[in-house]
Each structure stands twice: as structure tokens, then as C-alpha cells.
Amino acid sequence: MELLKKIINNNRALFDDSEPENGHFNRFENKLKAYHRRKMVLSIPFLLKTAAVLLLLVMSSYLTYKYFITGNDITNFNRITVGDISPEYQEMEIYYTSLVNQQFEQINRLFIDDSTEKKIVIRELSEMDEMLNSLTDELNTNPNDERIISTIIEYYQLKIEILNRIIYHLKNVKPLNKSSHEKIEI
């Protein structure tokens, strides 16, 4: 490397005496444009590959979340629910599940202090959900059995009634108990 530097420095006058030929800069510019066009064409397959990888990543993340975090089995994707039987049942199922979710969110907001009581309620509600899962399994084996469908509807109604009672208890009874303890002086 040092030898090359020494040769260039000693012969600097030979390197600086001639100008490039006419049209050199135009040819250079055309080559740069061609290179950038080729680079852009090559980037489209790269973008498609990137999109495919991102899609796989998103789908695997969703399945991981669905299977490990929520505890749902991957085989549940082919399960029939009441809403799959008819549009009326689908509307009913959407109504009941949204109402249950709203009430559950309200219960979560009302539980401020007592985490043990909250754990008990969540455990009881998850046991009820296991009952719904077994009813859904029965519905998959007998999709047109009206007894199973009516039992699932009764399940939703019962769960909503229980959630209403829990909300009532948290709003009305629990604050009274708390305030009566606050008035006691030692």
C-alpha cells in the first residue's frame, strides 16, 4: 500500500495533465441512471419477500397469542358456535357476548382493592366458560339439536344475571361495608 502511494505521489503530474473525453459525464450519468433503475426493479421482489415474511410473522404471533395466552386450542378454529347455525342465533350470540364483555370490564373497574375476591370471581366465571365450551363441543357433534341451543342461550342469560349480581354487590353492598368499618374508632 505504501509503495502504491509513493508511486502516485511521485507521478502526480502524469495523472493531472489530461481531461476526460467529450461526453464522459453524460455516459457516466446514463450508467448511474441505469444502475438506479435496475436497483429499483430488484427492490420489488425484495419488498414482496419482506411482505411475505411480515405476514408469516403476524400470523404466527396471532396463533401464538391465541394458543398460549388465551388458552384456546388451535383446533377450535373449526368449531361451530350457535351463531353459525342461523342469522338470528348469530345476532343473539353477538349481543350476549358483547354484553358479557361489557359487564366483565365493569367488574374489573370496580375491583380496586380486593384482589383475592377478584381471583375468586374470575375463577368462578372461567368455570362457567368451561361449561360453555362443553356445550359447544356437544353442539359440534349435534349441530341442529334445539336442546343444546336453548341450553347455550340459558347459559348466556344466567351468566349475565350473575354478572349483574356481582356488579350490584360491588356498587352497593361493598361500599356500605367499607364505610361502616371506617366509622369505628379505637
N, C-alpha and C. Protein backbone atom coordinates (compact mmCIF):
# COMPACT_ATOMS: atom_id res chain seq x y z
N MET A 1 0.82 -1.18 0.00
CA MET A 1 0.00 0.00 0.00
C MET A 1 0.87 1.26 0.00
N GLU A 2 1.90 1.22 0.79
CA GLU A 2 2.82 2.36 0.85
C GLU A 2 3.51 2.57 -0.50
N LEU A 3 3.85 1.47 -1.17
CA LEU A 3 4.51 1.57 -2.46
C LEU A 3 3.60 2.24 -3.49
N LEU A 4 2.32 1.89 -3.50
CA LEU A 4 1.36 2.49 -4.42
C LEU A 4 1.20 3.98 -4.13
N LYS A 5 1.13 4.34 -2.90
CA LYS A 5 1.02 5.74 -2.52
C LYS A 5 2.24 6.53 -2.98
N LYS A 6 3.38 5.92 -2.82
CA LYS A 6 4.63 6.57 -3.21
C LYS A 6 4.68 6.79 -4.73
N ILE A 7 4.25 5.78 -5.51
CA ILE A 7 4.24 5.90 -6.97
C ILE A 7 3.28 7.00 -7.40
N ILE A 8 2.10 7.07 -6.80
CA ILE A 8 1.11 8.09 -7.16
C ILE A 8 1.63 9.48 -6.81
N ASN A 9 2.20 9.63 -5.65
CA ASN A 9 2.73 10.95 -5.25
C ASN A 9 3.89 11.39 -6.14
N ASN A 10 4.76 10.47 -6.53
CA ASN A 10 5.89 10.81 -7.39
C ASN A 10 5.46 11.16 -8.81
N ASN A 11 4.37 10.59 -9.29
CA ASN A 11 3.91 10.80 -10.66
C ASN A 11 2.60 11.61 -10.72
N ARG A 12 2.37 12.47 -9.79
CA ARG A 12 1.13 13.24 -9.71
C ARG A 12 0.92 14.06 -10.98
N ALA A 13 1.92 14.58 -11.55
CA ALA A 13 1.79 15.41 -12.75
C ALA A 13 1.25 14.59 -13.91
N LEU A 14 1.63 13.33 -14.01
CA LEU A 14 1.13 12.48 -15.10
C LEU A 14 -0.38 12.21 -14.97
N PHE A 15 -0.87 12.15 -13.73
CA PHE A 15 -2.28 11.87 -13.50
C PHE A 15 -3.16 13.10 -13.73
N ASP A 16 -2.63 14.30 -13.51
CA ASP A 16 -3.43 15.51 -13.58
C ASP A 16 -3.40 16.20 -14.93
N ASP A 17 -2.66 15.75 -15.92
CA ASP A 17 -2.49 16.50 -17.15
C ASP A 17 -3.59 16.31 -18.19
N SER A 18 -4.39 15.26 -18.13
CA SER A 18 -5.39 15.07 -19.18
C SER A 18 -6.80 15.15 -18.62
N GLU A 19 -7.69 15.67 -19.46
CA GLU A 19 -9.10 15.80 -19.11
C GLU A 19 -9.84 14.59 -19.69
N PRO A 20 -11.02 14.24 -19.14
CA PRO A 20 -11.79 13.13 -19.71
C PRO A 20 -12.30 13.50 -21.10
N GLU A 21 -12.60 12.48 -21.89
CA GLU A 21 -13.07 12.69 -23.26
C GLU A 21 -14.44 13.39 -23.24
N ASN A 22 -14.80 13.96 -24.41
CA ASN A 22 -16.11 14.59 -24.53
C ASN A 22 -17.21 13.56 -24.32
N GLY A 23 -18.26 13.91 -23.59
CA GLY A 23 -19.39 13.02 -23.34
C GLY A 23 -19.17 12.05 -22.19
N HIS A 24 -18.00 12.18 -21.53
CA HIS A 24 -17.71 11.29 -20.41
C HIS A 24 -18.74 11.43 -19.31
N PHE A 25 -19.07 12.66 -18.96
CA PHE A 25 -20.00 12.90 -17.86
C PHE A 25 -21.42 12.43 -18.23
N ASN A 26 -21.79 12.58 -19.52
CA ASN A 26 -23.10 12.08 -19.96
C ASN A 26 -23.17 10.56 -19.88
N ARG A 27 -22.10 9.88 -20.31
CA ARG A 27 -22.07 8.42 -20.23
C ARG A 27 -22.12 7.96 -18.77
N PHE A 28 -21.40 8.66 -17.92
CA PHE A 28 -21.39 8.33 -16.50
C PHE A 28 -22.78 8.50 -15.88
N GLU A 29 -23.45 9.59 -16.24
CA GLU A 29 -24.79 9.85 -15.74
C GLU A 29 -25.77 8.78 -16.23
N ASN A 30 -25.66 8.37 -17.49
CA ASN A 30 -26.54 7.32 -18.02
C ASN A 30 -26.32 6.00 -17.31
N LYS A 31 -25.06 5.69 -17.02
CA LYS A 31 -24.77 4.46 -16.29
C LYS A 31 -25.36 4.51 -14.88
N LEU A 32 -25.30 5.68 -14.22
CA LEU A 32 -25.88 5.82 -12.89
C LEU A 32 -27.39 5.63 -12.92
N LYS A 33 -28.04 6.23 -13.94
CA LYS A 33 -29.49 6.09 -14.07
C LYS A 33 -29.87 4.63 -14.30
N ALA A 34 -29.13 3.94 -15.16
CA ALA A 34 -29.40 2.53 -15.43
C ALA A 34 -29.21 1.70 -14.17
N TYR A 35 -28.21 2.02 -13.40
CA TYR A 35 -27.96 1.30 -12.16
C TYR A 35 -29.12 1.50 -11.19
N HIS A 36 -29.60 2.74 -11.06
CA HIS A 36 -30.71 3.02 -10.14
C HIS A 36 -32.00 2.36 -10.61
N ARG A 37 -32.25 2.33 -11.92
CA ARG A 37 -33.44 1.65 -12.43
C ARG A 37 -33.37 0.16 -12.13
N ARG A 38 -32.20 -0.43 -12.35
CA ARG A 38 -32.03 -1.85 -12.07
C ARG A 38 -32.20 -2.10 -10.58
N LYS A 39 -31.70 -1.21 -9.76
CA LYS A 39 -31.83 -1.36 -8.32
C LYS A 39 -33.29 -1.29 -7.90
N MET A 40 -34.07 -0.40 -8.53
CA MET A 40 -35.48 -0.27 -8.22
C MET A 40 -36.24 -1.54 -8.63
N VAL A 41 -35.91 -2.10 -9.78
CA VAL A 41 -36.55 -3.32 -10.24
C VAL A 41 -36.22 -4.46 -9.30
N LEU A 42 -35.00 -4.50 -8.82
CA LEU A 42 -34.61 -5.55 -7.89
C LEU A 42 -35.27 -5.36 -6.53
N SER A 43 -35.67 -4.15 -6.18
CA SER A 43 -36.25 -3.92 -4.86
C SER A 43 -37.69 -4.41 -4.78
N ILE A 44 -38.41 -4.55 -5.91
CA ILE A 44 -39.78 -5.04 -5.85
C ILE A 44 -39.83 -6.48 -5.35
N PRO A 45 -39.03 -7.40 -5.88
CA PRO A 45 -39.03 -8.75 -5.30
C PRO A 45 -38.60 -8.75 -3.83
N PHE A 46 -37.68 -7.87 -3.51
CA PHE A 46 -37.25 -7.77 -2.12
C PHE A 46 -38.42 -7.33 -1.25
N LEU A 47 -39.20 -6.38 -1.72
CA LEU A 47 -40.37 -5.93 -0.96
C LEU A 47 -41.41 -7.03 -0.82
N LEU A 48 -41.60 -7.82 -1.88
CA LEU A 48 -42.55 -8.93 -1.80
C LEU A 48 -42.08 -9.97 -0.79
N LYS A 49 -40.79 -10.25 -0.79
CA LYS A 49 -40.26 -11.21 0.19
C LYS A 49 -40.43 -10.68 1.60
N THR A 50 -40.17 -9.39 1.77
CA THR A 50 -40.33 -8.78 3.08
C THR A 50 -41.78 -8.83 3.54
N ALA A 51 -42.71 -8.56 2.61
CA ALA A 51 -44.13 -8.61 2.96
C ALA A 51 -44.54 -10.03 3.34
N ALA A 52 -44.02 -11.03 2.64
CA ALA A 52 -44.34 -12.42 2.96
C ALA A 52 -43.81 -12.79 4.34
N VAL A 53 -42.61 -12.37 4.65
CA VAL A 53 -42.03 -12.65 5.97
C VAL A 53 -42.85 -11.96 7.05
N LEU A 54 -43.23 -10.72 6.83
CA LEU A 54 -44.04 -10.00 7.81
C LEU A 54 -45.40 -10.67 8.00
N LEU A 55 -46.00 -11.13 6.92
CA LEU A 55 -47.27 -11.82 7.03
C LEU A 55 -47.13 -13.10 7.85
N LEU A 56 -46.08 -13.86 7.60
CA LEU A 56 -45.84 -15.07 8.39
C LEU A 56 -45.60 -14.73 9.86
N LEU A 57 -44.88 -13.66 10.10
CA LEU A 57 -44.61 -13.24 11.47
C LEU A 57 -45.90 -12.84 12.19
N VAL A 58 -46.74 -12.09 11.52
CA VAL A 58 -48.01 -11.66 12.13
C VAL A 58 -48.91 -12.86 12.39
N MET A 59 -49.00 -13.76 11.43
CA MET A 59 -49.87 -14.94 11.61
C MET A 59 -49.35 -15.83 12.73
N SER A 60 -48.05 -16.03 12.80
CA SER A 60 -47.51 -16.88 13.87
C SER A 60 -47.68 -16.20 15.22
N SER A 61 -47.56 -14.88 15.27
CA SER A 61 -47.79 -14.17 16.52
C SER A 61 -49.24 -14.30 16.96
N TYR A 62 -50.16 -14.18 16.00
CA TYR A 62 -51.58 -14.31 16.32
C TYR A 62 -51.89 -15.72 16.85
N LEU A 63 -51.37 -16.74 16.17
CA LEU A 63 -51.63 -18.10 16.61
C LEU A 63 -50.99 -18.38 17.97
N THR A 64 -49.80 -17.83 18.19
CA THR A 64 -49.15 -17.99 19.49
C THR A 64 -49.99 -17.33 20.57
N TYR A 65 -50.47 -16.13 20.31
CA TYR A 65 -51.32 -15.43 21.27
C TYR A 65 -52.59 -16.24 21.52
N LYS A 66 -53.20 -16.70 20.46
CA LYS A 66 -54.47 -17.44 20.57
C LYS A 66 -54.28 -18.73 21.35
N TYR A 67 -53.17 -19.42 21.12
CA TYR A 67 -52.98 -20.73 21.74
C TYR A 67 -52.42 -20.63 23.15
N PHE A 68 -51.36 -19.84 23.33
CA PHE A 68 -50.67 -19.83 24.63
C PHE A 68 -51.26 -18.84 25.61
N ILE A 69 -51.61 -17.66 25.16
CA ILE A 69 -52.04 -16.62 26.10
C ILE A 69 -53.51 -16.77 26.45
N THR A 70 -54.38 -16.95 25.47
CA THR A 70 -55.80 -17.07 25.78
C THR A 70 -56.20 -18.48 26.16
N GLY A 71 -55.33 -19.44 25.87
CA GLY A 71 -55.62 -20.82 26.25
C GLY A 71 -56.55 -21.52 25.28
N ASN A 72 -56.89 -20.90 24.19
CA ASN A 72 -57.75 -21.56 23.21
C ASN A 72 -56.94 -22.57 22.41
N ASP A 73 -57.56 -23.66 22.10
CA ASP A 73 -56.91 -24.69 21.32
C ASP A 73 -56.95 -24.30 19.84
N ILE A 74 -55.89 -24.58 19.12
CA ILE A 74 -55.83 -24.23 17.70
C ILE A 74 -56.92 -24.97 16.93
N THR A 75 -57.32 -26.14 17.39
CA THR A 75 -58.37 -26.89 16.70
C THR A 75 -59.73 -26.23 16.83
N ASN A 76 -59.87 -25.23 17.70
CA ASN A 76 -61.16 -24.55 17.88
C ASN A 76 -61.55 -23.70 16.69
N PHE A 77 -60.66 -23.50 15.73
CA PHE A 77 -60.99 -22.66 14.60
C PHE A 77 -62.11 -23.29 13.76
N ASN A 78 -62.25 -24.60 13.80
CA ASN A 78 -63.27 -25.27 13.01
C ASN A 78 -64.52 -25.57 13.83
N ARG A 79 -64.62 -25.05 15.02
CA ARG A 79 -65.76 -25.32 15.88
C ARG A 79 -66.97 -24.53 15.43
N ILE A 80 -68.11 -25.15 15.55
CA ILE A 80 -69.37 -24.50 15.25
C ILE A 80 -69.87 -23.84 16.52
N THR A 81 -70.32 -22.60 16.41
CA THR A 81 -70.95 -21.93 17.54
C THR A 81 -72.42 -21.74 17.20
N VAL A 82 -73.17 -21.26 18.16
CA VAL A 82 -74.59 -21.03 17.94
C VAL A 82 -74.80 -20.05 16.80
N GLY A 83 -73.94 -19.07 16.68
CA GLY A 83 -74.06 -18.06 15.64
C GLY A 83 -73.87 -18.61 14.24
N ASP A 84 -73.26 -19.78 14.11
CA ASP A 84 -73.05 -20.38 12.80
C ASP A 84 -74.31 -21.08 12.28
N ILE A 85 -75.28 -21.31 13.14
CA ILE A 85 -76.46 -22.08 12.75
C ILE A 85 -77.45 -21.23 11.97
N SER A 86 -77.71 -20.02 12.46
CA SER A 86 -78.64 -19.14 11.75
C SER A 86 -78.31 -17.69 12.04
N PRO A 87 -78.78 -16.76 11.21
CA PRO A 87 -78.50 -15.34 11.45
C PRO A 87 -79.11 -14.82 12.76
N GLU A 88 -80.28 -15.36 13.13
CA GLU A 88 -80.90 -14.93 14.39
C GLU A 88 -80.03 -15.32 15.58
N TYR A 89 -79.53 -16.56 15.54
CA TYR A 89 -78.64 -17.01 16.61
C TYR A 89 -77.33 -16.23 16.62
N GLN A 90 -76.86 -15.88 15.44
CA GLN A 90 -75.63 -15.10 15.35
C GLN A 90 -75.82 -13.73 15.99
N GLU A 91 -76.94 -13.10 15.71
CA GLU A 91 -77.23 -11.79 16.31
C GLU A 91 -77.35 -11.92 17.83
N MET A 92 -78.02 -12.99 18.28
CA MET A 92 -78.16 -13.22 19.71
C MET A 92 -76.81 -13.47 20.36
N GLU A 93 -75.97 -14.26 19.71
CA GLU A 93 -74.66 -14.56 20.26
C GLU A 93 -73.80 -13.30 20.36
N ILE A 94 -73.83 -12.49 19.35
CA ILE A 94 -73.07 -11.23 19.37
C ILE A 94 -73.57 -10.33 20.49
N TYR A 95 -74.87 -10.23 20.64
CA TYR A 95 -75.45 -9.40 21.70
C TYR A 95 -75.01 -9.88 23.07
N TYR A 96 -75.18 -11.20 23.33
CA TYR A 96 -74.84 -11.72 24.65
C TYR A 96 -73.34 -11.63 24.94
N THR A 97 -72.50 -11.97 23.97
CA THR A 97 -71.06 -11.91 24.23
C THR A 97 -70.59 -10.47 24.44
N SER A 98 -71.16 -9.52 23.69
CA SER A 98 -70.75 -8.13 23.91
C SER A 98 -71.24 -7.64 25.26
N LEU A 99 -72.44 -8.05 25.67
CA LEU A 99 -72.95 -7.66 26.99
C LEU A 99 -72.10 -8.26 28.10
N VAL A 100 -71.73 -9.53 27.95
CA VAL A 100 -70.88 -10.19 28.94
C VAL A 100 -69.53 -9.47 29.02
N ASN A 101 -68.95 -9.13 27.88
CA ASN A 101 -67.66 -8.44 27.88
C ASN A 101 -67.76 -7.07 28.53
N GLN A 102 -68.83 -6.34 28.27
CA GLN A 102 -69.02 -5.02 28.89
C GLN A 102 -69.14 -5.16 30.41
N GLN A 103 -69.92 -6.13 30.85
CA GLN A 103 -70.09 -6.32 32.28
C GLN A 103 -68.79 -6.77 32.94
N PHE A 104 -68.05 -7.60 32.25
CA PHE A 104 -66.78 -8.06 32.81
C PHE A 104 -65.80 -6.90 32.94
N GLU A 105 -65.77 -6.01 31.96
CA GLU A 105 -64.93 -4.82 32.04
C GLU A 105 -65.37 -3.93 33.20
N GLN A 106 -66.67 -3.82 33.39
CA GLN A 106 -67.18 -3.01 34.51
C GLN A 106 -66.77 -3.63 35.84
N ILE A 107 -66.82 -4.94 35.93
CA ILE A 107 -66.39 -5.62 37.16
C ILE A 107 -64.91 -5.38 37.40
N ASN A 108 -64.11 -5.46 36.35
CA ASN A 108 -62.68 -5.19 36.51
C ASN A 108 -62.42 -3.79 37.02
N ARG A 109 -63.21 -2.82 36.56
CA ARG A 109 -63.04 -1.44 37.04
C ARG A 109 -63.47 -1.28 38.49
N LEU A 110 -64.47 -2.05 38.91
CA LEU A 110 -64.99 -1.91 40.27
C LEU A 110 -64.10 -2.60 41.30
N PHE A 111 -63.36 -3.61 40.89
CA PHE A 111 -62.44 -4.28 41.81
C PHE A 111 -61.19 -3.44 41.93
N ILE A 112 -61.10 -2.69 43.00
CA ILE A 112 -59.93 -1.83 43.19
C ILE A 112 -59.00 -2.43 44.23
N ASP A 113 -59.55 -2.80 45.36
CA ASP A 113 -58.73 -3.21 46.49
C ASP A 113 -58.55 -4.72 46.60
N ASP A 114 -59.63 -5.43 46.51
CA ASP A 114 -59.66 -6.83 46.92
C ASP A 114 -59.28 -7.76 45.78
N SER A 115 -58.01 -8.10 45.70
CA SER A 115 -57.55 -8.97 44.61
C SER A 115 -57.93 -10.42 44.86
N THR A 116 -58.05 -10.86 46.13
CA THR A 116 -58.44 -12.25 46.39
C THR A 116 -59.89 -12.48 45.97
N GLU A 117 -60.75 -11.52 46.25
CA GLU A 117 -62.14 -11.62 45.83
C GLU A 117 -62.24 -11.62 44.31
N LYS A 118 -61.42 -10.81 43.68
CA LYS A 118 -61.40 -10.76 42.22
C LYS A 118 -60.95 -12.09 41.65
N LYS A 119 -59.95 -12.71 42.24
CA LYS A 119 -59.47 -14.01 41.76
C LYS A 119 -60.55 -15.07 41.89
N ILE A 120 -61.31 -15.03 42.96
CA ILE A 120 -62.39 -16.00 43.15
C ILE A 120 -63.45 -15.82 42.08
N VAL A 121 -63.83 -14.57 41.82
CA VAL A 121 -64.85 -14.30 40.81
C VAL A 121 -64.37 -14.74 39.44
N ILE A 122 -63.13 -14.43 39.10
CA ILE A 122 -62.59 -14.83 37.80
C ILE A 122 -62.53 -16.35 37.67
N ARG A 123 -62.17 -17.03 38.74
CA ARG A 123 -62.12 -18.50 38.71
C ARG A 123 -63.53 -19.07 38.49
N GLU A 124 -64.51 -18.52 39.18
CA GLU A 124 -65.88 -19.00 39.00
C GLU A 124 -66.39 -18.74 37.58
N LEU A 125 -66.07 -17.57 37.05
CA LEU A 125 -66.51 -17.25 35.68
C LEU A 125 -65.81 -18.14 34.66
N SER A 126 -64.56 -18.47 34.91
CA SER A 126 -63.85 -19.35 33.97
C SER A 126 -64.42 -20.77 34.03
N GLU A 127 -64.90 -21.18 35.22
CA GLU A 127 -65.56 -22.48 35.31
C GLU A 127 -66.86 -22.47 34.50
N MET A 128 -67.56 -21.34 34.54
CA MET A 128 -68.77 -21.21 33.71
C MET A 128 -68.41 -21.28 32.23
N ASP A 129 -67.28 -20.67 31.85
CA ASP A 129 -66.85 -20.71 30.45
C ASP A 129 -66.50 -22.12 30.02
N GLU A 130 -65.99 -22.93 30.94
CA GLU A 130 -65.72 -24.33 30.63
C GLU A 130 -67.02 -25.07 30.32
N MET A 131 -68.09 -24.68 31.04
CA MET A 131 -69.40 -25.27 30.76
C MET A 131 -69.84 -24.89 29.34
N LEU A 132 -69.61 -23.64 28.93
CA LEU A 132 -69.95 -23.22 27.57
C LEU A 132 -69.13 -24.00 26.55
N ASN A 133 -67.85 -24.23 26.85
CA ASN A 133 -67.00 -25.00 25.93
C ASN A 133 -67.52 -26.42 25.76
N SER A 134 -67.97 -27.04 26.85
CA SER A 134 -68.50 -28.40 26.72
C SER A 134 -69.82 -28.39 25.95
N LEU A 135 -70.65 -27.35 26.15
CA LEU A 135 -71.88 -27.24 25.37
C LEU A 135 -71.57 -27.02 23.88
N THR A 136 -70.54 -26.24 23.61
CA THR A 136 -70.14 -26.01 22.22
C THR A 136 -69.62 -27.30 21.59
N ASP A 137 -68.90 -28.10 22.36
CA ASP A 137 -68.44 -29.40 21.86
C ASP A 137 -69.64 -30.29 21.52
N GLU A 138 -70.65 -30.28 22.40
CA GLU A 138 -71.86 -31.06 22.11
C GLU A 138 -72.57 -30.53 20.87
N LEU A 139 -72.57 -29.20 20.71
CA LEU A 139 -73.19 -28.60 19.53
C LEU A 139 -72.46 -29.03 18.25
N ASN A 140 -71.15 -29.21 18.34
CA ASN A 140 -70.39 -29.65 17.17
C ASN A 140 -70.73 -31.08 16.79
N THR A 141 -71.05 -31.90 17.77
CA THR A 141 -71.43 -33.28 17.44
C THR A 141 -72.89 -33.35 16.97
N ASN A 142 -73.74 -32.46 17.49
CA ASN A 142 -75.16 -32.43 17.10
C ASN A 142 -75.55 -31.00 16.75
N PRO A 143 -75.22 -30.52 15.57
CA PRO A 143 -75.40 -29.10 15.25
C PRO A 143 -76.84 -28.60 15.24
N ASN A 144 -77.81 -29.45 15.05
CA ASN A 144 -79.20 -28.97 14.96
C ASN A 144 -80.04 -29.38 16.17
N ASP A 145 -79.41 -29.71 17.25
CA ASP A 145 -80.13 -30.12 18.46
C ASP A 145 -80.62 -28.87 19.20
N GLU A 146 -81.91 -28.65 19.20
CA GLU A 146 -82.50 -27.45 19.81
C GLU A 146 -82.27 -27.42 21.33
N ARG A 147 -82.17 -28.57 21.96
CA ARG A 147 -81.94 -28.59 23.41
C ARG A 147 -80.59 -27.97 23.75
N ILE A 148 -79.59 -28.30 22.96
CA ILE A 148 -78.25 -27.74 23.21
C ILE A 148 -78.27 -26.24 22.95
N ILE A 149 -78.92 -25.83 21.87
CA ILE A 149 -79.00 -24.40 21.54
C ILE A 149 -79.71 -23.63 22.65
N SER A 150 -80.81 -24.15 23.14
CA SER A 150 -81.53 -23.45 24.21
C SER A 150 -80.72 -23.44 25.50
N THR A 151 -79.95 -24.50 25.74
CA THR A 151 -79.09 -24.53 26.93
C THR A 151 -78.00 -23.48 26.83
N ILE A 152 -77.45 -23.30 25.64
CA ILE A 152 -76.42 -22.27 25.46
C ILE A 152 -77.03 -20.88 25.66
N ILE A 153 -78.24 -20.67 25.16
CA ILE A 153 -78.92 -19.37 25.37
C ILE A 153 -79.17 -19.15 26.86
N GLU A 154 -79.63 -20.18 27.56
CA GLU A 154 -79.84 -20.08 29.01
C GLU A 154 -78.51 -19.80 29.74
N TYR A 155 -77.44 -20.41 29.24
CA TYR A 155 -76.12 -20.17 29.83
C TYR A 155 -75.78 -18.68 29.76
N TYR A 156 -75.96 -18.08 28.58
CA TYR A 156 -75.66 -16.65 28.43
C TYR A 156 -76.53 -15.81 29.35
N GLN A 157 -77.81 -16.14 29.43
CA GLN A 157 -78.71 -15.38 30.30
C GLN A 157 -78.31 -15.51 31.76
N LEU A 158 -77.95 -16.73 32.16
CA LEU A 158 -77.52 -16.96 33.53
C LEU A 158 -76.22 -16.20 33.83
N LYS A 159 -75.30 -16.23 32.92
CA LYS A 159 -74.03 -15.54 33.14
C LYS A 159 -74.25 -14.04 33.26
N ILE A 160 -75.13 -13.49 32.44
CA ILE A 160 -75.43 -12.06 32.52
C ILE A 160 -76.09 -11.73 33.85
N GLU A 161 -76.99 -12.60 34.31
CA GLU A 161 -77.63 -12.39 35.60
C GLU A 161 -76.61 -12.42 36.74
N ILE A 162 -75.70 -13.37 36.68
CA ILE A 162 -74.66 -13.47 37.72
C ILE A 162 -73.75 -12.24 37.68
N LEU A 163 -73.37 -11.82 36.49
CA LEU A 163 -72.53 -10.63 36.38
C LEU A 163 -73.26 -9.39 36.91
N ASN A 164 -74.55 -9.29 36.65
CA ASN A 164 -75.34 -8.18 37.19
C ASN A 164 -75.35 -8.20 38.71
N ARG A 165 -75.48 -9.38 39.29
CA ARG A 165 -75.46 -9.50 40.75
C ARG A 165 -74.10 -9.09 41.32
N ILE A 166 -73.05 -9.50 40.65
CA ILE A 166 -71.70 -9.14 41.10
C ILE A 166 -71.52 -7.62 41.03
N ILE A 167 -71.97 -7.02 39.94
CA ILE A 167 -71.87 -5.57 39.80
C ILE A 167 -72.70 -4.86 40.88
N TYR A 168 -73.90 -5.36 41.13
CA TYR A 168 -74.73 -4.77 42.17
C TYR A 168 -74.03 -4.87 43.52
N HIS A 169 -73.48 -6.03 43.80
CA HIS A 169 -72.77 -6.23 45.07
C HIS A 169 -71.59 -5.25 45.19
N LEU A 170 -70.84 -5.11 44.12
CA LEU A 170 -69.66 -4.24 44.16
C LEU A 170 -70.05 -2.77 44.29
N LYS A 171 -71.16 -2.38 43.67
CA LYS A 171 -71.57 -0.98 43.71
C LYS A 171 -72.28 -0.62 45.01
N ASN A 172 -73.12 -1.51 45.51
CA ASN A 172 -73.99 -1.14 46.62
C ASN A 172 -73.58 -1.73 47.96
N VAL A 173 -73.30 -3.01 48.01
CA VAL A 173 -73.04 -3.67 49.28
C VAL A 173 -71.62 -3.41 49.76
N LYS A 174 -70.65 -3.52 48.90
CA LYS A 174 -69.26 -3.36 49.30
C LYS A 174 -68.95 -1.96 49.84
N PRO A 175 -69.44 -0.88 49.20
CA PRO A 175 -69.17 0.45 49.79
C PRO A 175 -69.80 0.63 51.16
N LEU A 176 -70.96 0.01 51.41
CA LEU A 176 -71.59 0.11 52.73
C LEU A 176 -70.73 -0.58 53.78
N ASN A 177 -70.20 -1.75 53.45
CA ASN A 177 -69.31 -2.46 54.38
C ASN A 177 -68.05 -1.66 54.64
N LYS A 178 -67.53 -1.04 53.65
CA LYS A 178 -66.31 -0.25 53.79
C LYS A 178 -66.55 0.97 54.66
N SER A 179 -67.67 1.64 54.44
CA SER A 179 -67.94 2.85 55.21
C SER A 179 -68.26 2.52 56.66
N SER A 180 -68.89 1.37 56.94
CA SER A 180 -69.18 1.02 58.33
C SER A 180 -67.89 0.71 59.09
N HIS A 181 -66.88 0.18 58.41
CA HIS A 181 -65.60 -0.08 59.06
C HIS A 181 -64.83 1.21 59.30
N GLU A 182 -65.05 2.18 58.47
CA GLU A 182 -64.34 3.46 58.62
C GLU A 182 -64.85 4.26 59.80
N LYS A 183 -66.09 4.03 60.24
CA LYS A 183 -66.67 4.82 61.33
C LYS A 183 -66.25 4.30 62.71
N ILE A 184 -65.72 3.10 62.74
CA ILE A 184 -65.33 2.53 64.04
C ILE A 184 -64.05 3.20 64.50
N GLU A 185 -64.09 3.68 65.76
CA GLU A 185 -62.90 4.31 66.33
C GLU A 185 -62.38 3.45 67.46
N ILE A 186 -61.09 3.47 67.62
CA ILE A 186 -60.47 2.66 68.67
C ILE A 186 -60.03 3.57 69.79
